[in-house]
Amino acid sequence: MAGKLTHFDGKGDAHMVDVGDKAVTDRIAVAACYIKMQPETYDIIQEGRAKKGDVLGVARLAGIMAAKRTADLIPLCHPLPITKVAVDLSPDAALPGIRIEATVKTTGQTGVEMEALTAANIAALTVYDMCKAVDKGMEIGGLHVVLKDGGKSGRYEAP
């Protein structure tokens, strides 16, 4: 872990990082998480029997919307011109539950890791919201950056 925390100035006060001198580059980030549930809840989602509707479709849209609103939610994030958001929700009977992966792209002066993390997390929370009537014990976990590329720090891939 080289370097210093960039969101603090010399006095230790939080501040928004000045990215004005950074190069404009293509940037991408991928984040992932999962939501575990009871087998019965998994079956309800798979069979399309949720009372609130298409669980995975609504969660996908929620994740996309969340990526676009990240700067409104996280105080020191820059508002970014996002060029792509994709949220993939994959049923996994072995969990049982849903694996979620969010990909965000931009061409700009700062990365989109926070947008990808926010998209994945909000998609999982939306699955929870849509299914909580039948399963209050669902567990959301594993939120992490899978891939980040572009900018001065280069490429990062999770081990």
Protein backbone atom coordinates (compact mmCIF):
# COMPACT_ATOMS: atom_id res chain seq x y z
CA MET A 1 0.00 0.00 0.00
CA ALA A 2 2.16 2.80 -1.31
CA GLY A 3 1.25 6.46 -1.15
CA LYS A 4 -0.98 8.58 1.00
CA LEU A 5 -4.70 9.00 1.37
CA THR A 6 -5.56 11.53 -1.32
CA HIS A 7 -8.81 12.79 0.18
CA PHE A 8 -7.02 14.52 3.07
CA ASP A 9 -4.96 17.70 2.88
CA GLY A 10 -1.74 18.45 4.80
CA LYS A 11 -3.75 19.38 7.91
CA GLY A 12 -5.78 16.15 7.80
CA ASP A 13 -8.97 17.82 6.60
CA ALA A 14 -11.11 16.01 4.03
CA HIS A 15 -11.15 17.63 0.60
CA MET A 16 -12.09 16.83 -2.99
CA VAL A 17 -9.03 15.85 -5.00
CA ASP A 18 -8.11 18.27 -7.81
CA VAL A 19 -8.03 16.15 -10.96
CA GLY A 20 -7.65 19.15 -13.28
CA ASP A 21 -4.05 18.35 -14.23
CA LYS A 22 -4.65 14.63 -14.79
CA ALA A 23 -4.73 13.25 -18.31
CA VAL A 24 -8.05 12.41 -19.92
CA THR A 25 -7.98 8.65 -20.54
CA ASP A 26 -10.39 5.80 -21.11
CA ARG A 27 -11.33 4.32 -17.74
CA ILE A 28 -13.14 1.17 -16.73
CA ALA A 29 -14.04 -0.45 -13.43
CA VAL A 30 -15.79 -3.71 -12.62
CA ALA A 31 -17.17 -4.47 -9.16
CA ALA A 32 -18.88 -7.58 -7.86
CA CYS A 33 -20.90 -8.82 -4.90
CA TYR A 34 -23.53 -11.42 -4.10
CA ILE A 35 -26.79 -11.78 -2.24
CA LYS A 36 -27.47 -15.11 -0.51
CA MET A 37 -31.00 -16.22 0.28
CA GLN A 38 -33.14 -19.17 1.25
CA PRO A 39 -33.63 -21.77 -1.51
CA GLU A 40 -37.34 -20.91 -1.57
CA THR A 41 -36.56 -17.23 -2.25
CA TYR A 42 -34.15 -18.22 -5.01
CA ASP A 43 -36.92 -20.33 -6.58
CA ILE A 44 -39.40 -17.43 -6.42
CA ILE A 45 -36.94 -15.22 -8.32
CA GLN A 46 -36.08 -17.91 -10.87
CA GLU A 47 -39.72 -18.74 -11.51
CA GLY A 48 -40.82 -15.09 -11.75
CA ARG A 49 -43.24 -15.36 -8.82
CA ALA A 50 -42.16 -12.27 -6.84
CA LYS A 51 -45.14 -10.08 -5.99
CA LYS A 52 -43.21 -6.89 -6.78
CA GLY A 53 -42.38 -8.07 -10.32
CA ASP A 54 -39.21 -8.85 -12.26
CA VAL A 55 -36.63 -8.87 -9.46
CA LEU A 56 -33.52 -9.09 -11.64
CA GLY A 57 -34.76 -6.57 -14.21
CA VAL A 58 -35.61 -3.99 -11.56
CA ALA A 59 -32.30 -4.60 -9.74
CA ARG A 60 -30.39 -4.12 -13.01
CA LEU A 61 -32.08 -0.76 -13.60
CA ALA A 62 -31.49 0.29 -9.97
CA GLY A 63 -27.78 -0.47 -10.34
CA ILE A 64 -27.54 1.57 -13.54
CA MET A 65 -29.36 4.49 -11.91
CA ALA A 66 -27.13 4.27 -8.84
CA ALA A 67 -23.93 4.49 -10.89
CA LYS A 68 -25.20 7.73 -12.40
CA ARG A 69 -25.93 9.18 -8.93
CA THR A 70 -22.73 8.14 -7.12
CA ALA A 71 -21.46 11.71 -6.73
CA ASP A 72 -24.75 12.59 -4.98
CA LEU A 73 -24.22 9.79 -2.45
CA ILE A 74 -20.48 9.81 -1.71
CA PRO A 75 -19.33 13.27 -0.59
CA LEU A 76 -15.90 13.48 -2.25
CA CYS A 77 -16.71 11.73 -5.55
CA HIS A 78 -16.53 13.77 -8.73
CA PRO A 79 -19.61 13.83 -10.97
CA LEU A 80 -18.51 11.98 -14.09
CA PRO A 81 -19.73 11.71 -17.68
CA ILE A 82 -20.32 7.97 -17.63
CA THR A 83 -20.25 6.40 -21.09
CA LYS A 84 -21.43 2.90 -20.12
CA VAL A 85 -23.00 1.06 -17.22
CA ALA A 86 -23.78 -2.65 -17.38
CA VAL A 87 -25.14 -4.64 -14.44
CA ASP A 88 -25.23 -8.41 -14.78
CA LEU A 89 -27.18 -10.51 -12.29
CA SER A 90 -26.48 -14.23 -12.44
CA PRO A 91 -28.51 -16.74 -10.46
CA ASP A 92 -26.28 -19.19 -8.58
CA ALA A 93 -28.05 -22.21 -7.12
CA ALA A 94 -24.93 -23.12 -5.12
CA LEU A 95 -25.19 -19.95 -2.97
CA PRO A 96 -28.23 -20.02 -3.29
CA GLY A 97 -28.58 -16.47 -4.53
CA ILE A 98 -27.56 -13.94 -7.12
CA ARG A 99 -24.05 -12.93 -8.18
CA ILE A 100 -23.85 -9.33 -9.34
CA GLU A 101 -21.23 -7.69 -11.53
CA ALA A 102 -21.27 -4.02 -12.51
CA THR A 103 -19.11 -2.50 -15.25
CA VAL A 104 -18.73 1.26 -15.63
CA LYS A 105 -16.79 3.15 -18.31
CA THR A 106 -15.88 6.77 -18.89
CA THR A 107 -13.34 8.92 -20.66
CA GLY A 108 -12.13 11.37 -18.11
CA GLN A 109 -9.64 12.49 -15.49
CA THR A 110 -10.59 10.14 -12.67
CA GLY A 111 -11.66 6.53 -12.30
CA VAL A 112 -15.07 4.92 -11.96
CA GLU A 113 -14.43 2.41 -9.19
CA MET A 114 -16.92 4.09 -6.85
CA GLU A 115 -19.60 4.07 -9.54
CA ALA A 116 -19.09 0.33 -10.16
CA LEU A 117 -19.13 -0.46 -6.42
CA THR A 118 -22.27 1.63 -5.95
CA ALA A 119 -24.04 -0.02 -8.90
CA ALA A 120 -23.32 -3.55 -7.64
CA ASN A 121 -24.32 -2.71 -4.08
CA ILE A 122 -27.58 -0.98 -4.99
CA ALA A 123 -28.52 -3.84 -7.31
CA ALA A 124 -28.09 -6.23 -4.36
CA LEU A 125 -30.07 -3.96 -2.06
CA THR A 126 -32.86 -3.85 -4.62
CA VAL A 127 -33.02 -7.65 -4.72
CA TYR A 128 -33.29 -7.53 -0.93
CA ASP A 129 -36.04 -4.90 -1.06
CA MET A 130 -38.07 -6.86 -3.60
CA CYS A 131 -37.82 -10.14 -1.67
CA LYS A 132 -37.74 -9.10 1.99
CA ALA A 133 -41.40 -9.99 2.46
CA VAL A 134 -40.49 -13.67 2.14
CA ASP A 135 -36.86 -13.67 3.36
CA LYS A 136 -35.60 -11.09 5.85
CA GLY A 137 -32.42 -13.10 6.44
CA MET A 138 -30.81 -12.50 3.04
CA GLU A 139 -27.10 -11.67 3.21
CA ILE A 140 -25.24 -9.24 0.95
CA GLY A 141 -21.49 -9.74 0.81
CA GLY A 142 -18.26 -9.86 -1.11
CA LEU A 143 -18.41 -6.30 -2.48
CA HIS A 144 -15.08 -5.59 -4.15
CA VAL A 145 -13.35 -4.11 -7.19
CA VAL A 146 -12.61 -6.87 -9.69
CA LEU A 147 -10.91 -4.68 -12.29
CA LYS A 148 -9.81 -1.08 -12.65
CA ASP A 149 -7.97 0.23 -15.67
CA GLY A 150 -6.93 3.62 -17.03
CA GLY A 151 -5.21 6.63 -15.58
CA LYS A 152 -1.86 7.13 -13.91
CA SER A 153 -2.12 4.15 -11.55
CA GLY A 154 -2.73 1.79 -14.48
CA ARG A 155 -4.40 -1.60 -14.27
CA TYR A 156 -5.57 -3.43 -11.17
CA GLU A 157 -7.10 -6.89 -11.19
CA ALA A 158 -8.29 -8.59 -8.03
CA PRO A 159 -6.38 -11.78 -7.23
